[in-house]
Protein backbone atom coordinates (compact mmCIF):
# COMPACT_ATOMS: atom_id res chain seq x y z
CA MET A 1 -23.35 -81.67 -38.89
CA GLN A 2 -22.12 -84.43 -36.64
CA VAL A 3 -20.64 -84.23 -33.17
CA GLY A 4 -18.89 -87.59 -32.88
CA LEU A 5 -17.72 -89.63 -29.93
CA TRP A 6 -14.26 -89.20 -28.47
CA CYS A 7 -12.34 -92.47 -28.61
CA VAL A 8 -8.73 -93.38 -27.90
CA ILE A 9 -6.65 -96.47 -27.18
CA LEU A 10 -6.28 -98.19 -23.80
CA VAL A 11 -3.62 -100.81 -23.24
CA VAL A 12 -4.51 -103.31 -20.53
CA SER A 13 -2.13 -106.19 -19.69
CA GLY A 14 -0.64 -106.02 -23.16
CA GLN A 15 -4.02 -106.19 -24.88
CA VAL A 16 -5.77 -103.48 -26.86
CA ALA A 17 -9.18 -102.24 -25.78
CA GLY A 18 -10.04 -99.60 -28.29
CA CYS A 19 -12.58 -97.08 -29.39
CA GLY A 20 -12.80 -95.43 -32.75
CA ALA A 21 -12.44 -96.64 -36.31
CA THR A 22 -13.50 -100.25 -36.74
CA GLY A 23 -11.81 -101.25 -39.97
CA GLY A 24 -12.30 -100.54 -43.62
CA GLY A 25 -12.33 -97.05 -44.99
CA HIS A 26 -9.93 -95.03 -47.10
CA TRP A 27 -7.25 -92.45 -46.39
CA TYR A 28 -8.08 -88.95 -47.58
CA LYS A 29 -5.76 -85.97 -47.96
CA GLY A 30 -7.10 -82.61 -46.80
CA ASN A 31 -6.33 -79.06 -45.74
CA THR A 32 -8.28 -77.50 -42.86
CA HIS A 33 -7.02 -73.91 -43.18
CA THR A 34 -6.82 -71.69 -46.27
CA HIS A 35 -7.94 -68.24 -47.37
CA THR A 36 -9.56 -66.40 -50.26
CA GLU A 37 -9.82 -62.82 -51.46
CA LEU A 38 -12.91 -62.42 -49.27
CA CYS A 39 -10.66 -61.77 -46.28
CA GLY A 40 -9.06 -58.76 -47.96
CA HIS A 41 -5.45 -59.98 -47.76
CA ALA A 42 -5.43 -63.08 -49.97
CA ASP A 43 -5.27 -63.03 -53.74
CA SER A 44 -7.75 -65.51 -55.22
CA SER A 45 -11.47 -66.22 -55.33
CA PRO A 46 -13.06 -69.15 -53.48
CA GLU A 47 -13.52 -70.92 -56.81
CA ALA A 48 -9.88 -70.43 -57.83
CA VAL A 49 -8.62 -71.59 -54.45
CA ALA A 50 -10.81 -74.70 -54.54
CA ARG A 51 -9.55 -75.49 -58.05
CA TRP A 52 -5.92 -75.38 -56.91
CA TYR A 53 -6.51 -78.23 -54.45
CA LEU A 54 -8.89 -80.05 -56.79
CA GLU A 55 -6.21 -80.11 -59.49
CA ARG A 56 -3.69 -81.64 -57.10
CA ASP A 57 -4.25 -84.82 -55.08
CA TYR A 58 -6.37 -83.37 -52.27
CA ASN A 59 -9.68 -84.95 -51.29
CA PHE A 60 -11.12 -82.26 -49.04
CA LEU A 61 -10.63 -78.58 -48.30
CA VAL A 62 -11.94 -76.05 -45.78
CA LEU A 63 -12.22 -72.47 -47.04
CA SER A 64 -11.64 -71.14 -43.53
CA GLU A 65 -12.16 -67.44 -44.03
CA HIS A 66 -11.62 -64.90 -41.26
CA ASN A 67 -15.04 -64.46 -39.60
CA ILE A 68 -16.87 -65.33 -42.82
CA TYR A 69 -18.91 -68.48 -43.33
CA ILE A 70 -18.49 -69.89 -46.83
CA ASP A 71 -21.22 -72.35 -47.75
CA PRO A 72 -19.68 -75.01 -50.01
CA ALA A 73 -22.88 -75.01 -52.05
CA ASP A 74 -22.08 -71.44 -53.10
CA VAL A 75 -18.65 -72.34 -54.50
CA LYS A 76 -18.94 -73.53 -58.08
CA LEU A 77 -16.53 -76.32 -58.95
CA PRO A 78 -15.75 -77.32 -62.56
CA ALA A 79 -18.33 -79.56 -64.20
CA ASP A 80 -15.73 -82.31 -64.56
CA ALA A 81 -14.53 -82.10 -60.96
CA ARG A 82 -13.33 -85.34 -59.39
CA GLU A 83 -15.93 -87.17 -57.33
CA ASP A 84 -13.34 -87.75 -54.61
CA PHE A 85 -12.98 -84.06 -53.79
CA ILE A 86 -15.29 -82.13 -51.47
CA LEU A 87 -15.44 -78.81 -49.67
CA VAL A 88 -16.10 -78.86 -45.92
CA ALA A 89 -17.84 -75.85 -44.40
CA GLY A 90 -15.70 -73.84 -42.03
CA GLU A 91 -14.54 -70.50 -40.69
CA GLU A 92 -11.40 -69.14 -39.11
CA ILE A 93 -12.81 -67.60 -35.97
CA SER A 94 -10.43 -64.66 -35.64
CA GLY A 95 -10.90 -63.17 -32.22
CA ASN A 96 -9.24 -60.87 -29.76
CA GLU A 97 -5.65 -61.30 -28.53
CA VAL A 98 -4.61 -62.80 -31.92
CA ILE A 99 -6.45 -66.02 -31.08
CA HIS A 100 -7.68 -67.85 -34.17
CA THR A 101 -9.62 -71.11 -34.34
CA THR A 102 -10.89 -73.13 -37.28
CA GLY A 103 -14.49 -74.21 -36.96
CA PHE A 104 -14.49 -77.45 -39.00
CA ASN A 105 -17.75 -78.85 -40.41
CA ILE A 106 -19.94 -76.06 -39.04
CA ASP A 107 -23.39 -75.14 -40.27
CA SER A 108 -23.38 -71.40 -39.52
CA LEU A 109 -21.15 -68.45 -38.68
CA VAL A 110 -19.46 -68.62 -35.27
CA ASP A 111 -19.23 -65.42 -33.24
CA TRP A 112 -15.68 -64.13 -32.73
CA THR A 113 -16.31 -61.01 -30.62
CA HIS A 114 -15.95 -62.36 -27.06
CA ASN A 115 -13.19 -60.65 -25.13
CA SER A 116 -11.59 -61.31 -21.77
CA GLU A 117 -8.38 -60.58 -19.90
CA HIS A 118 -8.02 -64.37 -19.69
CA LYS A 119 -7.05 -65.93 -23.01
CA HIS A 120 -8.47 -69.32 -22.12
CA GLU A 121 -11.92 -67.73 -21.94
CA ILE A 122 -11.56 -66.41 -25.48
CA ILE A 123 -10.51 -69.83 -26.71
CA GLN A 124 -13.41 -71.38 -24.80
CA SER A 125 -15.86 -69.06 -26.56
CA HIS A 126 -14.49 -70.21 -29.93
CA VAL A 127 -14.80 -73.87 -28.95
CA ASP A 128 -18.30 -73.46 -27.52
CA GLY A 129 -19.47 -71.54 -30.59
CA THR A 130 -18.06 -74.20 -32.89
CA ILE A 131 -19.81 -76.96 -30.97
CA GLU A 132 -23.09 -75.02 -31.13
CA ALA A 133 -22.62 -74.80 -34.90
CA GLY A 134 -22.19 -78.58 -35.09
CA GLY A 135 -18.45 -78.71 -35.73
CA LEU A 136 -15.10 -79.38 -34.12
CA ALA A 137 -12.61 -76.69 -33.12
CA ILE A 138 -8.94 -76.53 -34.13
CA LEU A 139 -6.85 -73.89 -32.35
CA ASN A 140 -4.64 -72.34 -35.03
CA HIS A 141 -0.97 -71.30 -35.00
CA PRO A 142 -0.47 -70.79 -31.22
CA ASN A 143 3.00 -69.31 -31.84
CA PHE A 144 1.73 -66.56 -34.14
CA HIS A 145 2.82 -63.46 -32.17
CA TYR A 146 3.37 -66.05 -29.40
CA ALA A 147 -0.25 -65.42 -28.52
CA VAL A 148 -1.11 -68.74 -26.84
CA THR A 149 0.69 -70.81 -24.22
CA ALA A 150 0.04 -74.18 -22.64
CA ASP A 151 -1.49 -72.43 -19.62
CA ASP A 152 -3.96 -70.73 -21.95
CA MET A 153 -4.99 -74.04 -23.51
CA LEU A 154 -5.14 -76.42 -20.56
CA PRO A 155 -8.26 -74.95 -18.88
CA VAL A 156 -10.32 -75.07 -22.09
CA ASP A 157 -13.04 -77.71 -22.15
CA HIS A 158 -13.52 -79.76 -25.33
CA LEU A 159 -10.39 -78.42 -27.04
CA HIS A 160 -8.88 -81.51 -28.63
CA PHE A 161 -7.14 -80.21 -31.77
CA PHE A 162 -4.48 -77.63 -32.51
CA GLU A 163 -2.14 -76.74 -35.35
CA LEU A 164 1.23 -78.32 -34.67
CA HIS A 165 2.42 -77.41 -38.15
CA ASN A 166 1.25 -74.37 -40.11
CA GLY A 167 2.88 -73.59 -43.47
CA HIS A 168 2.67 -69.81 -43.16
CA PRO A 169 6.21 -68.38 -42.89
CA ALA A 170 5.29 -65.98 -40.06
CA VAL A 171 3.75 -68.31 -37.48
CA ARG A 172 6.96 -69.46 -35.77
CA ASN A 173 6.31 -73.17 -35.46
CA GLU A 174 9.92 -73.59 -34.37
CA GLY A 175 9.70 -71.11 -31.46
CA ASP A 176 12.74 -69.15 -30.31
CA ALA A 177 15.09 -68.85 -27.35
CA ASP A 178 12.25 -67.64 -25.13
CA HIS A 179 9.30 -69.65 -26.49
CA PRO A 180 8.79 -73.37 -27.06
CA SER A 181 8.22 -74.81 -30.50
CA THR A 182 4.70 -76.00 -31.23
CA GLU A 183 5.93 -79.58 -30.87
CA GLU A 184 7.38 -78.79 -27.46
CA LEU A 185 4.05 -77.15 -26.62
CA TRP A 186 2.24 -80.35 -27.66
CA ASP A 187 4.37 -82.49 -25.38
CA GLU A 188 3.83 -80.10 -22.49
CA LEU A 189 0.06 -80.34 -22.97
CA LEU A 190 0.16 -84.14 -23.27
CA THR A 191 2.49 -84.49 -20.29
CA ARG A 192 0.18 -82.35 -18.17
CA GLY A 193 -2.78 -84.58 -19.00
CA MET A 194 -4.55 -82.93 -21.93
CA LEU A 195 -6.15 -85.06 -24.64
CA ILE A 196 -5.16 -83.15 -27.76
CA TYR A 197 -4.38 -84.12 -31.34
CA ALA A 198 -2.05 -82.43 -33.83
CA VAL A 199 -3.11 -80.95 -37.16
CA SER A 200 -1.00 -79.71 -40.09
CA SER A 201 -2.23 -77.10 -42.58
CA ASP A 202 -0.82 -74.65 -45.12
CA ASP A 203 -2.79 -71.50 -44.12
CA ALA A 204 -2.40 -70.39 -47.73
CA HIS A 205 -3.12 -66.80 -48.79
CA GLU A 206 -1.10 -66.38 -52.00
CA PHE A 207 -1.86 -68.43 -55.10
CA LYS A 208 -0.37 -66.04 -57.67
CA THR A 209 2.97 -65.09 -56.07
CA TRP A 210 5.38 -67.87 -55.17
CA SER A 211 8.16 -67.47 -52.64
CA ASP A 212 9.46 -68.92 -49.38
CA ASP A 213 8.46 -65.62 -47.79
CA VAL A 214 4.73 -65.78 -48.61
CA SER A 215 1.99 -68.16 -47.52
CA ASN A 216 1.63 -70.49 -50.50
CA PRO A 217 -0.51 -73.64 -50.62
CA GLY A 218 0.71 -77.22 -50.32
CA ARG A 219 2.99 -76.85 -47.30
CA GLY A 220 1.05 -78.95 -44.79
CA TRP A 221 -1.93 -81.29 -44.69
CA ILE A 222 -3.57 -84.14 -42.81
CA MET A 223 -4.36 -87.70 -43.85
CA VAL A 224 -7.70 -88.90 -42.43
CA ARG A 225 -8.90 -92.49 -42.43
CA SER A 226 -12.64 -92.40 -42.98
CA GLU A 227 -15.40 -94.79 -43.92
CA GLU A 228 -16.50 -92.37 -46.62
CA LEU A 229 -15.67 -88.98 -48.04
CA THR A 230 -18.30 -86.81 -46.39
CA PRO A 231 -17.90 -83.94 -43.93
CA ASP A 232 -19.55 -85.89 -41.11
CA ALA A 233 -17.45 -89.01 -41.72
CA LEU A 234 -14.24 -86.98 -41.75
CA ASP A 235 -15.37 -85.20 -38.60
CA ALA A 236 -16.01 -88.52 -36.83
CA ALA A 237 -12.68 -89.97 -37.90
CA MET A 238 -10.78 -86.95 -36.62
CA ARG A 239 -12.59 -87.12 -33.29
CA ALA A 240 -11.46 -90.75 -33.09
CA GLY A 241 -7.86 -89.66 -33.65
CA ASP A 242 -7.77 -91.64 -36.89
CA PHE A 243 -5.48 -89.29 -38.82
CA TYR A 244 -1.92 -88.03 -38.96
CA ALA A 245 -0.35 -84.65 -39.69
CA THR A 246 2.42 -84.12 -42.21
CA SER A 247 4.62 -81.58 -43.94
CA GLY A 248 5.47 -84.04 -46.72
CA VAL A 249 6.17 -87.54 -45.34
CA MET A 250 3.58 -90.15 -46.36
CA LEU A 251 2.97 -93.38 -44.46
CA ARG A 252 2.29 -96.89 -45.76
CA ARG A 253 1.55 -98.52 -42.41
CA LEU A 254 0.40 -97.16 -39.07
CA SER A 255 -0.83 -99.74 -36.58
CA PHE A 256 -1.11 -100.61 -32.92
CA GLY A 257 -1.83 -104.09 -31.65
CA GLY A 258 -0.61 -106.49 -28.99
CA GLY A 259 1.11 -103.61 -27.26
CA VAL A 260 3.27 -102.87 -30.31
CA TYR A 261 3.15 -99.58 -32.23
CA ARG A 262 4.30 -99.99 -35.85
CA VAL A 263 4.94 -97.49 -38.60
CA ALA A 264 6.25 -97.74 -42.16
CA VAL A 265 6.88 -95.04 -44.73
CA ASP A 266 5.41 -95.03 -48.22
CA GLU A 267 8.63 -94.02 -49.92
CA GLY A 268 7.09 -93.70 -53.38
CA ALA A 269 4.24 -91.50 -52.19
CA THR A 270 6.67 -89.39 -50.16
CA GLN A 271 8.94 -88.84 -53.14
CA ARG A 272 5.95 -87.86 -55.27
CA ALA A 273 4.83 -85.40 -52.60
CA LEU A 274 8.30 -83.90 -52.25
CA ALA A 275 8.65 -83.57 -56.01
CA SER A 276 6.05 -80.81 -55.86
CA PRO A 277 7.61 -77.34 -56.17
CA HIS A 278 5.14 -76.14 -53.55
CA VAL A 279 6.30 -78.34 -50.66
CA ARG A 280 8.91 -76.77 -48.39
CA GLY A 281 10.96 -78.37 -45.63
CA ARG A 282 12.23 -76.65 -42.51
CA ILE A 283 15.02 -77.10 -40.00
CA ASP A 284 14.09 -76.92 -36.32
CA ARG A 285 15.60 -74.29 -34.05
CA GLY A 286 18.87 -75.41 -32.50
CA VAL A 287 19.56 -78.18 -35.03
CA ASP A 288 23.10 -78.25 -36.41
CA VAL A 289 22.61 -78.71 -40.14
CA GLY A 290 26.14 -80.02 -40.50
CA GLU A 291 25.38 -82.90 -38.12
CA LEU A 292 21.95 -83.70 -39.52
CA ALA A 293 21.91 -87.15 -41.11
CA LEU A 294 20.22 -87.43 -44.49
CA GLY A 295 17.42 -89.95 -44.98
CA TRP A 296 14.85 -91.43 -42.62
CA LEU A 297 14.57 -91.20 -38.84
CA ILE A 298 11.72 -92.74 -36.83
CA GLU A 299 11.40 -91.54 -33.23
CA TRP A 300 9.03 -92.69 -30.50
CA VAL A 301 8.28 -89.75 -28.24
CA GLY A 302 6.87 -89.86 -24.72
CA PRO A 303 6.19 -87.51 -21.78
CA HIS A 304 8.25 -84.32 -21.62
CA GLY A 305 9.18 -84.87 -25.27
CA GLU A 306 11.66 -87.59 -24.35
CA VAL A 307 12.71 -89.76 -27.28
CA LEU A 308 12.11 -93.27 -25.93
CA ALA A 309 13.57 -95.07 -28.93
CA SER A 310 14.64 -94.30 -32.48
CA SER A 311 15.77 -96.01 -35.65
CA THR A 312 16.95 -95.12 -39.09
CA GLY A 313 15.29 -96.64 -42.11
CA ALA A 314 11.75 -96.47 -43.43
CA SER A 315 9.97 -98.67 -40.88
CA GLY A 316 10.04 -99.31 -37.16
CA GLU A 317 8.13 -100.50 -34.13
CA PHE A 318 7.91 -99.79 -30.41
CA ARG A 319 6.56 -101.96 -27.60
CA LEU A 320 4.51 -99.88 -25.21
CA GLU A 321 4.95 -100.92 -21.60
CA GLY A 322 3.61 -99.68 -18.29
CA GLY A 323 4.68 -96.41 -16.77
CA VAL A 324 4.53 -94.33 -19.96
CA ALA A 325 1.41 -92.18 -20.13
CA TYR A 326 1.54 -91.74 -23.89
CA VAL A 327 3.65 -92.47 -26.94
CA ARG A 328 3.55 -90.77 -30.31
CA CYS A 329 5.67 -91.24 -33.41
CA ARG A 330 7.66 -88.67 -35.40
CA VAL A 331 8.88 -89.76 -38.83
CA SER A 332 11.43 -87.45 -40.44
CA PHE A 333 13.06 -87.32 -43.85
CA VAL A 334 16.04 -85.05 -44.49
CA ARG A 335 17.34 -84.21 -47.95
CA ARG A 336 19.62 -81.77 -49.68
CA SER A 337 18.06 -79.68 -52.42
CA GLU A 338 18.71 -76.44 -54.26
CA ARG A 339 17.23 -74.75 -51.19
CA GLY A 340 19.77 -76.37 -48.87
CA VAL A 341 19.01 -78.99 -46.23
CA GLU A 342 15.30 -79.64 -45.74
CA ARG A 343 13.46 -81.72 -43.15
CA PHE A 344 9.95 -83.09 -43.65
CA VAL A 345 7.91 -84.79 -40.93
CA ALA A 346 4.85 -86.93 -40.32
CA TRP A 347 3.43 -86.76 -36.79
CA THR A 348 1.13 -89.55 -35.63
CA GLN A 349 -1.38 -89.10 -32.83
CA PRO A 350 -0.56 -90.27 -29.29
CA VAL A 351 -1.50 -93.64 -27.87
CA PHE A 352 -2.56 -93.23 -24.22
CA THR A 353 -2.26 -95.65 -21.32
CA ASP A 354 -3.72 -93.42 -18.58
CA ASP A 355 -7.24 -92.21 -17.84
CA ARG A 356 -7.39 -90.28 -21.12
CA ALA A 357 -8.08 -93.60 -22.80
CA GLY A 358 -11.67 -93.38 -21.55
CA ALA A 359 -12.04 -89.61 -21.51
CA GLY A 360 -14.56 -89.39 -24.31
CA GLY A 361 -17.31 -91.34 -22.61
CA GLY A 362 -18.17 -92.87 -25.96
CA VAL A 363 -19.19 -96.39 -26.85
CA CYS A 364 -16.12 -98.66 -27.07
CA GLY A 365 -15.92 -102.06 -28.65
CA GLU A 366 -13.29 -104.77 -28.91
CA ARG A 367 -13.00 -104.18 -32.65
CA GLY A 368 -12.27 -100.50 -32.27
CA ARG A 369 -8.85 -98.98 -32.63
CA VAL A 370 -7.50 -95.59 -33.47
CA LEU A 371 -4.49 -96.62 -35.52
CA SER A 372 -4.82 -99.05 -38.39
CA ASP A 373 -2.89 -100.47 -41.29
CA LEU A 374 -3.21 -98.23 -44.29
CA GLY A 375 -4.98 -100.42 -46.78
CA GLY A 376 -5.00 -98.14 -49.79
CA PRO A 377 -3.27 -95.30 -51.59
CA LEU A 378 -2.45 -92.28 -49.49
CA SER A 379 -2.75 -89.62 -52.15
CA GLY A 380 -6.43 -89.64 -52.98
CA ARG A 381 -8.49 -92.81 -53.00
């Protein structure tokens, strides 16, 4: 297993000094969080679960069972399985205080038994155990039972990923009157100086019963730009921030250069994704459905969650200037369907202009950059 170098973007006098992906590569679709009957409350075998994603347009999957390590070599795929589909070893480290963490690309079981009156110490034990097992840690569904707050996450060393979007209907991504949404949580963490990236997953448990009220597959995934489709290459690309999270929106272009952040939607790929009966959109807390405009909205978000600029249409750009510690992009698509008004989102990773740009201590080169034009199909290779 590979523990890669942390790399982000630094903007200096309008120029880009970057670390991370250096060009080339493909975009791969994957899910980092799903369950099997081995946990006792899901309905399908590891083989059946893997086949579900294999038969769709996924390229990689983590069978992240609760406190069980599933070796991909022990999961038999069909003899005619696509070559561009792999299983990545993982575990959902399900510890005390309803704190769950995916160990991605690990080589052994991670201990989940540490307890403390301080939640950040429990999270730290998950992160440390994942690192010892050669992987990267993703803190899952922080709003599940409202178990985790920003103050619980900020003290944790080497925590650089969390689930912004989780497709399970009970995890409360949208928050409530007394708790922030997971997106508001992300902006609080970023505003307070944390280097943390957003992941989307479906957290699927049910593959035989289909309903809005159960945790079905296909309701969230990530797109990772990687030099090759291997666990270590995916791991390295994620550590470089070279991926985006989505609940259905697919991107055609995602680039940063000359101080300008550009994004464009792949409308065809998005429509194909949203044609799936498994994909579900949601409306954020406090949004007036009657005032919600249908179609595309591109928003550039900065500290404190402030929308710095926005545009309608399927492409846009933003010039990053001094005084803004980070900028990220949120691309939304709103439609009417038989289920009512639905909103789907792609969340890109933040571009930093403060000291987080060099936080990883990795080797940086002039060719490196986190965000790149998408030079190939987004659904599979």
